Amino acid sequence: MRLSQGRYDDATVYNDDPGAVATGFASHGLRRLHVVDLDGAKEGRPCNTDAVRAILAAMKGVPIELGGGIRTLAAVEEWIELGVDRPILGTIALRDPALVKEAAREFPGRIAVGIDARDGKVAVEGWLETSETTALDLAKEFQDAGVGALIHTDIARDGMGTGPNLDATSEIAKAVSIPVIASGGVGSVAHIRAAAERPELAGVIVGRALYEGTVDLAEALAAVEDACS
């Protein structure tokens, strides 16, 4: 299931078998799979454990990062024990940054921070609430905390296919030493290539475009390899 601009009333279900979808992705030699528990993000607790188990089994050792409703250290530990390589902490990163730092100390390099922004301000609770904290300020909060990555999503572009907000993401990447990943709005291989050509960025996430066929995964991976060679 995918949302448009974070709206739960504008969700599209593409497949009811997450494991089968993951199997298709795994066949292309992915280095990492990005997964979001959308129900968990909205409810504030993990809601799709069985689906995540199916995805883990299908990926056959390919690392997955998982976000959505992970708001306690116990939840972080449970997902890692289940096989998730990198839990993504979003809402709790704003509400309780000390917890994120504690998780990063316990699992060095294996915690990602999701920074979802609307008009530059951090949005939380499954994107239902917008704070007064800027995405850049939240990113700086975790400098030297030991987190493995920051994932920046421009909510206004998410699911729209108009391209990610690379300028805003690059601004964050240049301000911190943490690897920063762009997310939200990828609609073509050209968008992926544009992200790959920015050396300050550590990666780019593709979602809806894969399901709707505007991005071919094999072509996208080849474009990244070409741009980074």
C-alpha atoms as a PDB file:
ATOM      1  CA  MET A   1       0.000   0.000   0.000  1.00  0.00           C
ATOM      2  CA  ARG A   2       1.168   3.504  -0.814  1.00  0.00           C
ATOM      3  CA  LEU A   3      -0.054   6.947   0.231  1.00  0.00           C
ATOM      4  CA  SER A   4      -0.044  10.211  -1.699  1.00  0.00           C
ATOM      5  CA  GLN A   5       1.414  13.163   0.224  1.00  0.00           C
ATOM      6  CA  GLY A   6       0.918  11.206   3.457  1.00  0.00           C
ATOM      7  CA  ARG A   7      -2.892  11.092   3.166  1.00  0.00           C
ATOM      8  CA  TYR A   8      -4.402   7.924   4.591  1.00  0.00           C
ATOM      9  CA  ASP A   9      -7.634   8.636   2.716  1.00  0.00           C
ATOM     10  CA  ASP A  10      -5.692   8.415  -0.551  1.00  0.00           C
ATOM     11  CA  ALA A  11      -4.081   5.000  -0.191  1.00  0.00           C
ATOM     12  CA  THR A  12      -3.581   2.542  -3.029  1.00  0.00           C
ATOM     13  CA  VAL A  13      -3.179  -1.206  -2.448  1.00  0.00           C
ATOM     14  CA  TYR A  14      -0.984  -2.749  -5.143  1.00  0.00           C
ATOM     15  CA  ASN A  15      -0.604  -6.281  -3.828  1.00  0.00           C
ATOM     16  CA  ASP A  16      -1.919  -8.212  -0.824  1.00  0.00           C
ATOM     17  CA  ASP A  17       1.113 -10.517  -0.647  1.00  0.00           C
ATOM     18  CA  PRO A  18       4.141  -8.567   0.647  1.00  0.00           C
ATOM     19  CA  GLY A  19       6.311 -11.692   0.601  1.00  0.00           C
ATOM     20  CA  ALA A  20       5.704 -12.219  -3.114  1.00  0.00           C
ATOM     21  CA  VAL A  21       6.502  -8.589  -3.862  1.00  0.00           C
ATOM     22  CA  ALA A  22       9.737  -8.864  -1.869  1.00  0.00           C
ATOM     23  CA  THR A  23      10.695 -12.020  -3.769  1.00  0.00           C
ATOM     24  CA  GLY A  24      10.432 -10.083  -7.012  1.00  0.00           C
ATOM     25  CA  PHE A  25      12.612  -7.303  -5.661  1.00  0.00           C
ATOM     26  CA  ALA A  26      15.199  -9.739  -4.288  1.00  0.00           C
ATOM     27  CA  SER A  27      15.660 -11.312  -7.713  1.00  0.00           C
ATOM     28  CA  HIS A  28      17.235  -8.067  -8.943  1.00  0.00           C
ATOM     29  CA  GLY A  29      20.114  -8.169  -6.467  1.00  0.00           C
ATOM     30  CA  LEU A  30      19.045  -5.320  -4.201  1.00  0.00           C
ATOM     31  CA  ARG A  31      21.525  -4.248  -1.545  1.00  0.00           C
ATOM     32  CA  ARG A  32      18.791  -3.079   0.843  1.00  0.00           C
ATOM     33  CA  LEU A  33      14.989  -2.987   0.977  1.00  0.00           C
ATOM     34  CA  HIS A  34      13.040  -0.129   2.556  1.00  0.00           C
ATOM     35  CA  VAL A  35       9.805  -1.170   4.293  1.00  0.00           C
ATOM     36  CA  VAL A  36       7.190   0.938   6.109  1.00  0.00           C
ATOM     37  CA  ASP A  37       4.469  -0.328   8.420  1.00  0.00           C
ATOM     38  CA  LEU A  38       1.904   2.343   7.514  1.00  0.00           C
ATOM     39  CA  ASP A  39      -0.633   1.088  10.041  1.00  0.00           C
ATOM     40  CA  GLY A  40       2.090   1.126  12.682  1.00  0.00           C
ATOM     41  CA  ALA A  41       3.025   4.708  11.831  1.00  0.00           C
ATOM     42  CA  LYS A  42      -0.559   5.785  12.349  1.00  0.00           C
ATOM     43  CA  GLU A  43      -1.230   3.685  15.464  1.00  0.00           C
ATOM     44  CA  GLY A  44       2.140   4.253  17.143  1.00  0.00           C
ATOM     45  CA  ARG A  45       2.954   0.553  17.483  1.00  0.00           C
ATOM     46  CA  PRO A  46       4.000  -2.292  15.167  1.00  0.00           C
ATOM     47  CA  CYS A  47       0.920  -3.628  13.352  1.00  0.00           C
ATOM     48  CA  ASN A  48       2.151  -5.819  10.496  1.00  0.00           C
ATOM     49  CA  THR A  49       4.570  -8.276  12.075  1.00  0.00           C
ATOM     50  CA  ASP A  50       3.428 -11.225   9.961  1.00  0.00           C
ATOM     51  CA  ALA A  51       3.912  -9.256   6.754  1.00  0.00           C
ATOM     52  CA  VAL A  52       7.403  -8.203   7.852  1.00  0.00           C
ATOM     53  CA  ARG A  53       8.246 -11.825   8.657  1.00  0.00           C
ATOM     54  CA  ALA A  54       7.176 -12.799   5.142  1.00  0.00           C
ATOM     55  CA  ILE A  55       9.322 -10.055   3.639  1.00  0.00           C
ATOM     56  CA  LEU A  56      12.356 -11.097   5.697  1.00  0.00           C
ATOM     57  CA  ALA A  57      11.960 -14.695   4.561  1.00  0.00           C
ATOM     58  CA  ALA A  58      11.608 -13.645   0.938  1.00  0.00           C
ATOM     59  CA  MET A  59      14.657 -11.368   0.939  1.00  0.00           C
ATOM     60  CA  LYS A  60      16.950 -14.283   1.829  1.00  0.00           C
ATOM     61  CA  GLY A  61      19.488 -12.273   3.765  1.00  0.00           C
ATOM     62  CA  VAL A  62      19.211  -8.977   1.881  1.00  0.00           C
ATOM     63  CA  PRO A  63      19.169  -6.283   4.605  1.00  0.00           C
ATOM     64  CA  ILE A  64      15.869  -4.541   5.197  1.00  0.00           C
ATOM     65  CA  GLU A  65      15.224  -1.291   6.998  1.00  0.00           C
ATOM     66  CA  LEU A  66      11.840  -0.884   8.637  1.00  0.00           C
ATOM     67  CA  GLY A  67       9.918   2.156   9.838  1.00  0.00           C
ATOM     68  CA  GLY A  68       6.461   2.782  11.238  1.00  0.00           C
ATOM     69  CA  GLY A  69       5.379   2.724  14.868  1.00  0.00           C
ATOM     70  CA  ILE A  70       8.797   1.951  16.366  1.00  0.00           C
ATOM     71  CA  ARG A  71       8.727   4.146  19.464  1.00  0.00           C
ATOM     72  CA  THR A  72      10.356   2.154  22.263  1.00  0.00           C
ATOM     73  CA  LEU A  73      13.727   0.561  22.820  1.00  0.00           C
ATOM     74  CA  ALA A  74      11.922  -2.752  23.315  1.00  0.00           C
ATOM     75  CA  ALA A  75      10.386  -2.451  19.840  1.00  0.00           C
ATOM     76  CA  VAL A  76      13.815  -1.729  18.359  1.00  0.00           C
ATOM     77  CA  GLU A  77      15.239  -4.816  20.052  1.00  0.00           C
ATOM     78  CA  GLU A  78      12.337  -7.013  18.945  1.00  0.00           C
ATOM     79  CA  TRP A  79      12.669  -6.046  15.302  1.00  0.00           C
ATOM     80  CA  ILE A  80      16.428  -6.558  15.301  1.00  0.00           C
ATOM     81  CA  GLU A  81      16.002  -9.964  16.932  1.00  0.00           C
ATOM     82  CA  LEU A  82      13.448 -10.816  14.256  1.00  0.00           C
ATOM     83  CA  GLY A  83      15.976 -10.009  11.549  1.00  0.00           C
ATOM     84  CA  VAL A  84      15.439  -6.359  10.624  1.00  0.00           C
ATOM     85  CA  ASP A  85      18.830  -4.869   9.853  1.00  0.00           C
ATOM     86  CA  ARG A  86      17.986  -1.229  10.483  1.00  0.00           C
ATOM     87  CA  PRO A  87      14.919   0.018  12.390  1.00  0.00           C
ATOM     88  CA  ILE A  88      13.853   3.531  11.393  1.00  0.00           C
ATOM     89  CA  LEU A  89      12.827   5.888  14.186  1.00  0.00           C
ATOM     90  CA  GLY A  90      10.689   8.832  13.140  1.00  0.00           C
ATOM     91  CA  THR A  91       8.126  10.235  15.557  1.00  0.00           C
ATOM     92  CA  ILE A  92      10.173   9.252  18.585  1.00  0.00           C
ATOM     93  CA  ALA A  93      13.211  11.047  17.126  1.00  0.00           C
ATOM     94  CA  LEU A  94      11.342  14.299  17.640  1.00  0.00           C
ATOM     95  CA  ARG A  95       9.500  13.348  20.838  1.00  0.00           C
ATOM     96  CA  ASP A  96      12.382  11.648  22.652  1.00  0.00           C
ATOM     97  CA  PRO A  97      15.777  12.080  20.947  1.00  0.00           C
ATOM     98  CA  ALA A  98      17.490  10.630  24.024  1.00  0.00           C
ATOM     99  CA  LEU A  99      15.825   7.283  23.332  1.00  0.00           C
ATOM    100  CA  VAL A 100      17.142   7.317  19.772  1.00  0.00           C
ATOM    101  CA  LYS A 101      20.642   8.029  21.021  1.00  0.00           C
ATOM    102  CA  GLU A 102      20.348   5.188  23.535  1.00  0.00           C
ATOM    103  CA  ALA A 103      19.272   2.821  20.767  1.00  0.00           C
ATOM    104  CA  ALA A 104      22.189   3.988  18.616  1.00  0.00           C
ATOM    105  CA  ARG A 105      24.616   3.282  21.456  1.00  0.00           C
ATOM    106  CA  GLU A 106      23.192  -0.197  21.921  1.00  0.00           C
ATOM    107  CA  PHE A 107      23.105  -0.950  18.194  1.00  0.00           C
ATOM    108  CA  PRO A 108      25.883   1.161  16.604  1.00  0.00           C
ATOM    109  CA  GLY A 109      25.269   1.937  12.952  1.00  0.00           C
ATOM    110  CA  ARG A 110      21.993   0.030  12.885  1.00  0.00           C
ATOM    111  CA  ILE A 111      19.532   2.794  13.723  1.00  0.00           C
ATOM    112  CA  ALA A 112      18.128   5.110  11.066  1.00  0.00           C
ATOM    113  CA  VAL A 113      16.289   8.340  11.779  1.00  0.00           C
ATOM    114  CA  GLY A 114      13.360   9.181   9.542  1.00  0.00           C
ATOM    115  CA  ILE A 115      12.949  12.922   9.043  1.00  0.00           C
ATOM    116  CA  ASP A 116       9.649  13.541   7.289  1.00  0.00           C
ATOM    117  CA  ALA A 117       9.001  17.173   6.502  1.00  0.00           C
ATOM    118  CA  ARG A 118       6.128  19.321   5.303  1.00  0.00           C
ATOM    119  CA  ASP A 119       7.265  22.780   4.148  1.00  0.00           C
ATOM    120  CA  GLY A 120      10.574  22.148   5.900  1.00  0.00           C
ATOM    121  CA  LYS A 121       8.976  21.332   9.279  1.00  0.00           C
ATOM    122  CA  VAL A 122       9.103  17.856  10.791  1.00  0.00           C
ATOM    123  CA  ALA A 123       5.833  15.890  10.627  1.00  0.00           C
ATOM    124  CA  VAL A 124       5.136  13.000  13.007  1.00  0.00           C
ATOM    125  CA  GLU A 125       2.437  10.517  14.070  1.00  0.00           C
ATOM    126  CA  GLY A 126       2.233   9.004  10.615  1.00  0.00           C
ATOM    127  CA  TRP A 127       2.505  12.486   9.096  1.00  0.00           C
ATOM    128  CA  LEU A 128      -0.731  13.529  10.791  1.00  0.00           C
ATOM    129  CA  GLU A 129       0.921  16.257  12.910  1.00  0.00           C
ATOM    130  CA  THR A 130       3.411  18.938  11.869  1.00  0.00           C
ATOM    131  CA  SER A 131       5.814  20.382  14.435  1.00  0.00           C
ATOM    132  CA  GLU A 132       7.721  23.662  14.556  1.00  0.00           C
ATOM    133  CA  THR A 133      11.095  21.879  14.398  1.00  0.00           C
ATOM    134  CA  THR A 134      12.903  22.117  11.086  1.00  0.00           C
ATOM    135  CA  ALA A 135      14.211  19.027   9.339  1.00  0.00           C
ATOM    136  CA  LEU A 136      17.723  20.482   9.421  1.00  0.00           C
ATOM    137  CA  ASP A 137      17.645  21.126  13.164  1.00  0.00           C
ATOM    138  CA  LEU A 138      16.428  17.596  13.870  1.00  0.00           C
ATOM    139  CA  ALA A 139      19.195  16.159  11.707  1.00  0.00           C
ATOM    140  CA  LYS A 140      21.822  18.109  13.625  1.00  0.00           C
ATOM    141  CA  GLU A 141      20.433  16.705  16.896  1.00  0.00           C
ATOM    142  CA  PHE A 142      21.881  13.303  15.988  1.00  0.00           C
ATOM    143  CA  GLN A 143      25.311  14.353  14.812  1.00  0.00           C
ATOM    144  CA  ASP A 144      27.867  12.102  16.519  1.00  0.00           C
ATOM    145  CA  ALA A 145      25.087   9.961  18.065  1.00  0.00           C
ATOM    146  CA  GLY A 146      26.115   6.886  16.115  1.00  0.00           C
ATOM    147  CA  VAL A 147      23.002   6.515  13.948  1.00  0.00           C
ATOM    148  CA  GLY A 148      23.542   4.689  10.680  1.00  0.00           C
ATOM    149  CA  ALA A 149      21.538   6.958   8.388  1.00  0.00           C
ATOM    150  CA  LEU A 150      19.066   9.804   8.084  1.00  0.00           C
ATOM    151  CA  ILE A 151      16.145   9.391   5.683  1.00  0.00           C
ATOM    152  CA  HIS A 152      14.663  12.698   4.539  1.00  0.00           C
ATOM    153  CA  THR A 153      11.204  12.695   2.975  1.00  0.00           C
ATOM    154  CA  ASP A 154       9.465  15.734   1.538  1.00  0.00           C
ATOM    155  CA  ILE A 155       5.838  14.805   2.229  1.00  0.00           C
ATOM    156  CA  ALA A 156       4.457  17.151  -0.421  1.00  0.00           C
ATOM    157  CA  ARG A 157       6.313  15.161  -3.072  1.00  0.00           C
ATOM    158  CA  ASP A 158       5.730  11.678  -1.705  1.00  0.00           C
ATOM    159  CA  GLY A 159       3.825   9.528  -4.176  1.00  0.00           C
ATOM    160  CA  MET A 160       3.513  12.357  -6.704  1.00  0.00           C
ATOM    161  CA  GLY A 161       6.253  11.270  -9.125  1.00  0.00           C
ATOM    162  CA  THR A 162       7.578  14.801  -9.578  1.00  0.00           C
ATOM    163  CA  GLY A 163      11.030  14.040  -8.184  1.00  0.00           C
ATOM    164  CA  PRO A 164      12.493  14.144  -4.677  1.00  0.00           C
ATOM    165  CA  ASN A 165      13.464  17.406  -3.022  1.00  0.00           C
ATOM    166  CA  LEU A 166      17.165  16.951  -3.641  1.00  0.00           C
ATOM    167  CA  ASP A 167      18.113  20.489  -2.692  1.00  0.00           C
ATOM    168  CA  ALA A 168      16.600  20.179   0.787  1.00  0.00           C
ATOM    169  CA  THR A 169      18.070  16.713   1.254  1.00  0.00           C
ATOM    170  CA  SER A 170      21.488  17.858   0.108  1.00  0.00           C
ATOM    171  CA  GLU A 171      21.364  20.784   2.529  1.00  0.00           C
ATOM    172  CA  ILE A 172      20.940  18.302   5.366  1.00  0.00           C
ATOM    173  CA  ALA A 173      23.642  16.001   4.024  1.00  0.00           C
ATOM    174  CA  LYS A 174      26.146  18.837   3.860  1.00  0.00           C
ATOM    175  CA  ALA A 175      25.372  19.884   7.433  1.00  0.00           C
ATOM    176  CA  VAL A 176      26.026  16.501   9.094  1.00  0.00           C
ATOM    177  CA  SER A 177      28.460  13.632   8.723  1.00  0.00           C
ATOM    178  CA  ILE A 178      25.693  11.003   8.884  1.00  0.00           C
ATOM    179  CA  PRO A 179      24.777   9.297   5.582  1.00  0.00           C
ATOM    180  CA  VAL A 180      21.599  10.921   4.245  1.00  0.00           C
ATOM    181  CA  ILE A 181      19.069   9.223   1.963  1.00  0.00           C
ATOM    182  CA  ALA A 182      16.533  11.049  -0.211  1.00  0.00           C
ATOM    183  CA  SER A 183      12.929   9.887  -0.228  1.00  0.00           C
ATOM    184  CA  GLY A 184       9.596  10.976  -1.658  1.00  0.00           C
ATOM    185  CA  GLY A 185       8.570  11.780  -5.205  1.00  0.00           C
ATOM    186  CA  VAL A 186      10.756   9.537  -7.368  1.00  0.00           C
ATOM    187  CA  GLY A 187       8.857   8.975 -10.605  1.00  0.00           C
ATOM    188  CA  SER A 188      11.509   8.143 -13.193  1.00  0.00           C
ATOM    189  CA  VAL A 189      14.975   6.722 -13.663  1.00  0.00           C
ATOM    190  CA  ALA A 190      16.112  10.272 -14.406  1.00  0.00           C
ATOM    191  CA  HIS A 191      15.153  11.240 -10.845  1.00  0.00           C
ATOM    192  CA  ILE A 192      17.229   8.355  -9.511  1.00  0.00           C
ATOM    193  CA  ARG A 193      20.200   9.291 -11.665  1.00  0.00           C
ATOM    194  CA  ALA A 194      19.974  12.912 -10.475  1.00  0.00           C
ATOM    195  CA  ALA A 195      20.145  11.736  -6.856  1.00  0.00           C
ATOM    196  CA  ALA A 196      23.033   9.360  -7.589  1.00  0.00           C
ATOM    197  CA  GLU A 197      24.999  12.193  -9.174  1.00  0.00           C
ATOM    198  CA  ARG A 198      25.004  14.100  -5.881  1.00  0.00           C
ATOM    199  CA  PRO A 199      28.012  12.725  -3.992  1.00  0.00           C
ATOM    200  CA  GLU A 200      26.768  14.082  -0.678  1.00  0.00           C
ATOM    201  CA  LEU A 201      23.749  11.744  -0.787  1.00  0.00           C
ATOM    202  CA  ALA A 202      24.013   8.127   0.352  1.00  0.00           C
ATOM    203  CA  GLY A 203      20.993   6.823  -1.546  1.00  0.00           C
ATOM    204  CA  VAL A 204      17.456   7.333  -2.791  1.00  0.00           C
ATOM    205  CA  ILE A 205      14.250   5.431  -2.000  1.00  0.00           C
ATOM    206  CA  VAL A 206      11.821   4.388  -4.728  1.00  0.00           C
ATOM    207  CA  GLY A 207       8.284   3.269  -3.916  1.00  0.00           C
ATOM    208  CA  ARG A 208       5.117   3.941  -5.930  1.00  0.00           C
ATOM    209  CA  ALA A 209       7.022   4.285  -9.210  1.00  0.00           C
ATOM    210  CA  LEU A 210       8.047   0.617  -9.035  1.00  0.00           C
ATOM    211  CA  TYR A 211       4.473  -0.553  -8.541  1.00  0.00           C
ATOM    212  CA  GLU A 212       3.070   1.673 -11.268  1.00  0.00           C
ATOM    213  CA  GLY A 213       5.803   0.773 -13.741  1.00  0.00           C
ATOM    214  CA  THR A 214       7.236   4.244 -14.303  1.00  0.00           C
ATOM    215  CA  VAL A 215      10.557   2.948 -12.982  1.00  0.00           C
ATOM    216  CA  ASP A 216      12.071  -0.384 -14.006  1.00  0.00           C
ATOM    217  CA  LEU A 217      14.117  -1.730 -11.103  1.00  0.00           C
ATOM    218  CA  ALA A 218      16.865  -3.278 -13.227  1.00  0.00           C
ATOM    219  CA  GLU A 219      17.237  -0.059 -15.204  1.00  0.00           C
ATOM    220  CA  ALA A 220      17.270   1.980 -11.998  1.00  0.00           C
ATOM    221  CA  LEU A 221      20.029  -0.115 -10.437  1.00  0.00           C
ATOM    222  CA  ALA A 222      22.076   0.129 -13.610  1.00  0.00           C
ATOM    223  CA  ALA A 223      21.658   3.901 -13.648  1.00  0.00           C
ATOM    224  CA  VAL A 224      22.953   4.142 -10.097  1.00  0.00           C
ATOM    225  CA  GLU A 225      25.971   1.982 -10.896  1.00  0.00           C
ATOM    226  CA  ASP A 226      26.714   4.111 -13.948  1.00  0.00           C
ATOM    227  CA  ALA A 227      26.342   7.407 -12.116  1.00  0.00           C
ATOM    228  CA  CYS A 228      28.564   6.269  -9.248  1.00  0.00           C
ATOM    229  CA  SER A 229      31.313   4.697 -11.368  1.00  0.00           C
END
